[in-house]
Protein backbone atom coordinates (compact mmCIF):
# COMPACT_ATOMS: atom_id res chain seq x y z
CA MET A 1 120.63 63.94 -59.52
CA LEU A 2 120.81 62.67 -55.74
CA ASN A 3 121.66 59.35 -54.60
CA VAL A 4 121.69 57.60 -51.41
CA PHE A 5 123.48 54.54 -49.95
CA THR A 6 122.77 52.49 -46.95
CA LEU A 7 123.83 49.77 -45.26
CA ALA A 8 122.47 46.67 -44.54
CA ASN A 9 124.78 43.63 -43.88
CA GLY A 10 127.72 44.82 -44.78
CA ARG A 11 126.12 45.74 -48.68
CA LEU A 12 125.65 48.95 -50.48
CA PHE A 13 122.09 49.94 -51.31
CA GLN A 14 121.60 52.59 -53.76
CA GLU A 15 118.11 54.78 -53.79
CA GLU A 16 117.30 57.17 -56.17
CA ILE A 17 116.05 60.52 -54.16
CA GLU A 18 112.78 62.50 -56.20
CA SER A 19 111.61 64.30 -53.24
CA ALA A 20 112.40 65.78 -49.79
CA ASP A 21 110.17 63.14 -48.14
CA ALA A 22 112.03 60.44 -49.31
CA LEU A 23 115.07 61.55 -47.91
CA ALA A 24 113.86 62.05 -44.65
CA ASP A 25 112.68 58.51 -44.52
CA VAL A 26 116.42 56.88 -44.81
CA GLN A 27 119.37 56.86 -42.76
CA PRO A 28 122.35 56.80 -45.60
CA VAL A 29 126.11 56.20 -45.02
CA TRP A 30 126.88 58.22 -48.43
CA VAL A 31 125.24 61.07 -50.21
CA ASP A 32 126.09 61.35 -53.95
CA LEU A 33 124.89 64.42 -55.91
CA GLU A 34 125.74 63.98 -59.29
CA ASN A 35 125.26 67.69 -61.01
CA PRO A 36 122.73 68.55 -58.55
CA THR A 37 120.26 70.99 -58.73
CA ALA A 38 118.97 74.19 -56.05
CA GLU A 39 116.34 71.83 -55.02
CA GLU A 40 118.20 68.60 -54.09
CA LYS A 41 120.62 71.14 -52.64
CA GLY A 42 117.77 72.59 -50.57
CA TRP A 43 116.93 68.83 -49.56
CA ILE A 44 120.70 68.17 -48.45
CA ALA A 45 120.26 71.46 -46.28
CA SER A 46 116.96 70.89 -44.52
CA ARG A 47 117.89 67.39 -43.88
CA PHE A 48 121.51 67.39 -42.49
CA GLY A 49 122.03 70.89 -42.32
CA LEU A 50 124.40 71.13 -44.53
CA VAL A 51 124.83 73.48 -47.39
CA ILE A 52 126.52 73.13 -50.25
CA PRO A 53 128.18 76.13 -52.24
CA ASP A 54 127.55 76.58 -56.03
CA ASP A 55 131.39 76.51 -56.39
CA ILE A 56 132.18 73.52 -54.48
CA VAL A 57 133.79 71.76 -57.54
CA ASP A 58 135.11 74.88 -59.39
CA ASP A 59 139.08 73.93 -60.60
CA ASP A 60 140.51 77.63 -59.70
CA ILE A 61 139.98 76.87 -55.92
CA GLU A 62 143.33 77.74 -54.35
CA GLU A 63 145.15 74.38 -53.31
CA SER A 64 145.23 75.39 -50.01
CA ALA A 65 141.75 74.88 -49.35
CA ARG A 66 141.22 71.38 -51.05
CA PHE A 67 141.88 69.52 -47.70
CA TYR A 68 140.66 71.20 -44.31
CA GLU A 69 138.69 70.29 -41.03
CA GLU A 70 136.06 72.86 -39.62
CA ASP A 71 135.65 73.71 -36.20
CA ASN A 72 132.18 71.09 -35.84
CA GLY A 73 134.91 68.43 -37.33
CA GLU A 74 133.22 68.49 -40.83
CA LEU A 75 135.88 67.08 -43.19
CA HIS A 76 136.57 68.61 -46.76
CA ILE A 77 138.41 67.25 -49.07
CA ARG A 78 138.70 68.03 -52.87
CA SER A 79 140.30 65.37 -55.24
CA ASP A 80 140.38 64.83 -58.67
CA PHE A 81 139.43 61.83 -60.34
CA LEU A 82 140.77 60.31 -63.60
CA VAL A 83 138.30 59.35 -66.30
CA ASP A 84 139.40 57.81 -69.65
CA GLU A 85 136.70 57.99 -72.83
CA ASP A 86 139.24 57.89 -75.38
CA ALA A 87 138.40 54.01 -76.06
CA GLY A 88 134.90 54.93 -76.09
CA PRO A 89 132.78 55.54 -79.05
CA ASP A 90 132.16 59.23 -78.05
CA ARG A 91 136.19 59.58 -77.76
CA LYS A 92 136.18 62.28 -75.62
CA GLY A 93 139.74 62.02 -74.60
CA ALA A 94 141.13 61.54 -71.20
CA ARG A 95 140.24 64.20 -68.42
CA ASN A 96 140.83 64.68 -64.60
CA VAL A 97 137.03 65.53 -62.58
CA ARG A 98 137.26 67.65 -59.78
CA VAL A 99 135.22 65.63 -57.44
CA ALA A 100 134.16 67.13 -53.72
CA PHE A 101 133.88 65.26 -50.71
CA ILE A 102 132.03 66.39 -46.87
CA LEU A 103 132.54 63.67 -43.98
CA ARG A 104 129.52 65.22 -41.26
CA ASP A 105 128.49 63.04 -38.47
CA ASN A 106 129.47 59.59 -40.16
CA VAL A 107 128.03 60.62 -43.36
CA LEU A 108 129.84 61.17 -46.69
CA PHE A 109 129.04 63.98 -49.32
CA SER A 110 129.94 63.86 -52.54
CA VAL A 111 129.32 66.42 -55.12
CA HIS A 112 130.51 65.73 -58.76
CA VAL A 113 129.45 67.06 -62.34
CA ILE A 114 129.43 63.67 -63.79
CA ASP A 115 128.94 60.28 -63.34
CA LEU A 116 132.61 58.59 -62.66
CA PRO A 117 133.90 55.21 -63.29
CA VAL A 118 135.04 54.85 -60.21
CA PHE A 119 131.93 55.37 -58.41
CA ARG A 120 130.59 52.56 -60.84
CA LEU A 121 133.42 50.30 -60.13
CA LEU A 122 132.94 51.04 -56.03
CA ARG A 123 128.87 50.69 -56.15
CA MET A 124 129.41 47.03 -58.39
CA ARG A 125 131.83 45.54 -55.46
CA ALA A 126 129.43 47.09 -52.29
CA ARG A 127 126.59 45.10 -54.22
CA ARG A 128 128.58 42.12 -54.72
CA ILE A 129 131.29 41.54 -51.53
CA PRO A 130 129.71 41.67 -48.33
CA ALA A 131 131.17 43.43 -45.11
CA LEU A 132 132.89 45.46 -47.28
CA ILE A 133 132.33 48.85 -46.20
CA GLU A 134 131.40 49.16 -42.15
CA ASP A 135 130.96 53.22 -42.49
CA ALA A 136 131.59 56.48 -44.22
CA LYS A 137 135.18 56.35 -43.67
CA ASP A 138 135.29 53.25 -45.64
CA VAL A 139 133.33 54.46 -48.07
CA LEU A 140 136.03 57.27 -49.12
CA LEU A 141 138.95 54.69 -48.80
CA LYS A 142 137.60 52.34 -50.86
CA LEU A 143 136.85 55.14 -53.67
CA TYR A 144 140.70 55.84 -53.41
CA ASP A 145 141.45 52.36 -53.68
CA ALA A 146 139.60 52.22 -56.85
CA ASP A 147 140.78 55.25 -58.47
CA ALA A 148 144.50 53.27 -57.75
CA GLU A 149 143.47 50.55 -59.31
CA TYR A 150 141.32 52.58 -62.32
CA SER A 151 144.87 54.21 -62.53
CA ALA A 152 146.66 50.99 -63.04
CA ASP A 153 144.24 49.91 -65.57
CA SER A 154 145.16 52.75 -67.58
CA LEU A 155 148.55 52.40 -67.48
CA GLU A 156 148.08 48.87 -69.17
CA GLY A 157 146.07 50.64 -71.91
CA ILE A 158 148.88 52.85 -72.31
CA TYR A 159 151.48 49.72 -72.48
CA ASP A 160 149.28 48.51 -74.83
CA ALA A 161 149.13 51.73 -77.42
CA LEU A 162 152.87 52.19 -77.38
CA GLU A 163 153.36 48.53 -78.13
CA LYS A 164 151.43 48.95 -81.52
CA VAL A 165 153.27 52.17 -81.97
CA SER A 166 156.22 50.30 -81.65
CA THR A 167 155.69 47.75 -84.08
CA ARG A 168 154.94 50.56 -87.11
CA VAL A 169 157.86 52.76 -85.59
CA LEU A 170 160.51 49.80 -85.35
CA GLN A 171 159.49 46.95 -88.25
CA LYS A 172 159.03 49.16 -90.90
CA GLU A 173 159.42 52.08 -93.26
CA VAL A 174 157.73 54.70 -91.69
CA THR A 175 156.56 57.84 -94.59
CA ASP A 176 155.29 61.31 -93.63
CA ALA A 177 151.82 60.24 -93.18
CA ASP A 178 152.56 57.01 -91.13
CA ALA A 179 154.61 59.36 -88.67
CA ALA A 180 151.64 62.12 -88.48
CA GLU A 181 149.22 59.51 -87.42
CA ILE A 182 152.19 57.78 -84.71
CA LEU A 183 152.95 61.05 -83.61
CA ALA A 184 149.00 62.20 -83.09
CA ALA A 185 148.85 58.20 -81.00
CA ILE A 186 151.49 59.08 -78.91
CA ALA A 187 150.61 62.36 -77.96
CA ARG A 188 147.40 61.22 -76.90
CA GLN A 189 148.79 58.55 -74.33
CA GLU A 190 151.33 61.04 -73.19
CA ASP A 191 148.31 63.28 -71.77
CA LEU A 192 146.78 60.50 -70.51
CA ASN A 193 150.05 59.26 -69.02
CA GLY A 194 150.59 62.92 -67.26
CA ARG A 195 147.10 62.98 -66.14
CA ILE A 196 147.57 59.72 -64.61
CA ARG A 197 150.73 60.90 -62.66
CA ARG A 198 148.41 63.86 -61.35
CA ASN A 199 145.67 61.75 -60.36
CA VAL A 200 147.56 59.36 -58.48
CA MET A 201 149.56 62.52 -56.78
CA ASP A 202 146.29 64.07 -55.82
CA THR A 203 145.29 60.56 -54.45
CA ARG A 204 148.39 60.64 -52.29
CA ARG A 205 148.00 63.81 -51.02
CA ALA A 206 144.49 62.68 -50.09
CA LEU A 207 145.09 59.88 -48.14
CA SER A 208 148.51 61.58 -45.67
CA PHE A 209 145.56 64.11 -45.05
CA MET A 210 143.29 61.82 -43.79
CA MET A 211 146.28 59.69 -41.82
CA ARG A 212 147.37 62.60 -40.28
CA SER A 213 144.04 63.85 -39.14
CA ARG A 214 143.28 60.97 -36.85
CA LEU A 215 140.14 59.91 -37.81
CA LEU A 216 141.13 56.47 -38.96
CA ASN A 217 140.96 53.47 -36.80
CA ALA A 218 143.91 51.28 -36.60
CA GLU A 219 142.63 49.14 -39.58
CA GLN A 220 141.48 52.08 -42.36
CA PHE A 221 145.16 53.52 -41.18
CA GLU A 222 146.88 50.30 -42.80
CA GLU A 223 144.39 50.31 -45.37
CA SER A 224 145.37 53.67 -46.47
CA ARG A 225 149.13 52.74 -45.84
CA GLN A 226 148.48 50.05 -48.37
CA ILE A 227 146.71 52.23 -51.13
CA LEU A 228 150.02 54.41 -50.85
CA ARG A 229 152.27 51.21 -51.26
CA ASP A 230 150.34 50.26 -54.69
CA ILE A 231 150.52 54.17 -55.96
CA ASP A 232 154.06 53.87 -54.94
CA SER A 233 154.34 51.32 -57.37
CA LEU A 234 152.53 53.11 -60.21
CA ASP A 235 155.20 56.21 -60.14
CA SER A 236 157.85 53.56 -61.50
CA HIS A 237 155.54 52.89 -64.46
CA THR A 238 154.78 56.55 -65.36
CA ALA A 239 158.48 57.50 -65.28
CA PHE A 240 158.92 54.41 -67.73
CA LEU A 241 156.22 55.11 -69.96
CA PHE A 242 157.50 58.51 -70.32
CA ASP A 243 161.17 57.22 -71.30
CA LYS A 244 159.37 55.02 -73.97
CA ILE A 245 157.34 57.67 -75.13
CA ASN A 246 159.97 60.07 -75.72
CA PHE A 247 161.98 57.04 -77.05
CA LEU A 248 158.94 56.85 -79.68
CA MET A 249 158.76 60.63 -80.45
CA ASP A 250 162.61 60.97 -81.40
CA ALA A 251 162.38 57.77 -83.31
CA THR A 252 159.28 58.80 -85.39
CA VAL A 253 160.83 63.01 -85.96
CA GLY A 254 164.13 60.83 -86.96
CA PHE A 255 162.45 59.03 -89.72
CA ILE A 256 160.65 62.17 -90.55
CA ASN A 257 164.48 63.92 -90.70
CA ILE A 258 165.59 61.13 -92.80
CA ASN A 259 162.42 61.46 -95.62
CA GLN A 260 163.38 65.01 -95.94
CA ASN A 261 166.88 64.29 -96.11
CA ARG A 262 166.20 61.95 -99.19
CA ILE A 263 164.33 64.94 -101.27
CA ILE A 264 167.16 67.13 -100.48
CA LYS A 265 169.63 64.56 -101.31
CA ILE A 266 167.64 64.19 -104.57
CA PHE A 267 167.93 68.05 -105.30
CA SER A 268 171.51 68.16 -104.53
CA VAL A 269 172.73 64.89 -106.90
CA ALA A 270 170.83 66.49 -109.59
CA SER A 271 172.15 70.13 -109.16
CA VAL A 272 175.59 68.98 -109.18
CA ALA A 273 174.93 66.91 -112.01
CA LEU A 274 173.25 69.02 -113.95
CA LEU A 275 176.23 71.66 -113.79
CA PRO A 276 178.88 70.52 -116.14
CA PRO A 277 176.26 70.11 -119.09
CA THR A 278 174.98 73.92 -118.13
CA LEU A 279 178.74 74.65 -118.47
CA ILE A 280 179.44 72.89 -121.89
CA ALA A 281 175.99 74.83 -123.26
CA SER A 282 176.89 78.01 -121.79
CA ILE A 283 180.32 77.55 -123.84
CA TYR A 284 178.71 76.64 -126.72
CA GLY A 285 176.70 79.68 -126.50
CA MET A 286 178.91 82.08 -126.71
CA ASN A 287 179.73 84.47 -130.32
CA PHE A 288 182.98 82.67 -131.17
CA ARG A 289 184.43 83.84 -134.52
CA ALA A 290 184.33 80.52 -135.64
CA MET A 291 181.29 79.01 -134.90
CA PRO A 292 181.26 75.47 -134.71
CA GLU A 293 178.20 74.79 -136.48
CA LEU A 294 179.71 76.92 -139.59
CA ASP A 295 183.27 75.88 -139.54
CA TRP A 296 183.01 71.86 -138.23
CA SER A 297 179.59 69.53 -139.64
CA LEU A 298 179.77 67.39 -136.36
CA GLY A 299 179.83 70.63 -133.82
CA TYR A 300 176.19 70.44 -132.32
CA PRO A 301 176.43 66.09 -131.93
CA PHE A 302 179.64 66.71 -130.19
CA ALA A 303 178.38 68.95 -128.39
CA LEU A 304 175.16 67.27 -127.55
CA ALA A 305 177.54 64.27 -126.81
CA LEU A 306 179.59 66.01 -124.11
CA MET A 307 176.78 67.08 -122.48
CA LEU A 308 174.99 63.78 -121.82
CA ALA A 309 178.54 62.62 -121.13
CA SER A 310 178.95 65.11 -118.31
CA VAL A 311 175.22 64.25 -117.19
CA VAL A 312 176.27 60.33 -117.10
CA THR A 313 179.88 60.65 -115.43
CA PRO A 314 178.59 61.96 -112.13
CA PHE A 315 175.75 59.92 -111.49
CA TRP A 316 177.80 56.84 -112.49
CA TYR A 317 179.85 57.74 -109.62
CA PHE A 318 177.96 59.12 -106.69
CA ARG A 319 175.93 55.60 -107.37
CA ARG A 320 179.51 53.67 -106.98
CA LYS A 321 179.99 55.95 -104.02
CA GLY A 322 176.86 55.31 -102.43
CA TRP A 323 175.46 58.69 -102.64
CA LEU A 324 172.15 57.57 -104.46
């Protein structure tokens, strides 16, 4: 899918391009390619002279090749954007999606495989807020700003999810089935928190590269610094959430160990309590010269009473000690 965005009175206007002729009639500030076809890449090459390689958004690209500037002034940036789909109907989970940006002749080209929430958020804001964007570099900065805000919203979602987990862990007895559900929920939030931390780190690197490239004017440079300050404020939240996740994980594992110890204690008490009657039965089963059941009519009742007393006495003692 090929979408172009033009500026009019400080507002972005979107137009979906379905032919090379339609692309030739526009003067875009932003060209967005979502999972582009070879034909659409050909339209870009013919109209702007920009060749988009097939592996431009591959994840195995070298780290050193993610931010660089060509001799002709083209600025190449590859950034990861967060997609949190765990709350949606499909529940695909959180992931980081690679996006390739090329800044050429004051036109921003973006290439990605799926539509991203950050891109939708920017399109909505640019239509509603006048004078939000003035050039292609503003588009890129606003995308990173929206990405930081989207990461903050995801962190708030983690806070809410962990609050529910804390209620289950700390306010009632946790069974093994509950513990399994809690551990699964904690693992999902830990994965999301880690992806958010990676995402903001990547955004920080991209902004730092743009600031070092000296392509930003004074206002854009200050905006980049403000975005970096917002990102720095998120680091403390991710660190706190990691600590809280570890605490809930340890507490849940502790409840699992308590449940297992209860089972082991039952078997231990039963084995100790049944050892005396087993010993008595073994003694009475030996071949004595004077058999109790032959020489003494109360031999069997006495043996059974002795065995019962040897069972009741340990249980009474264990309960008095609080071991049961």
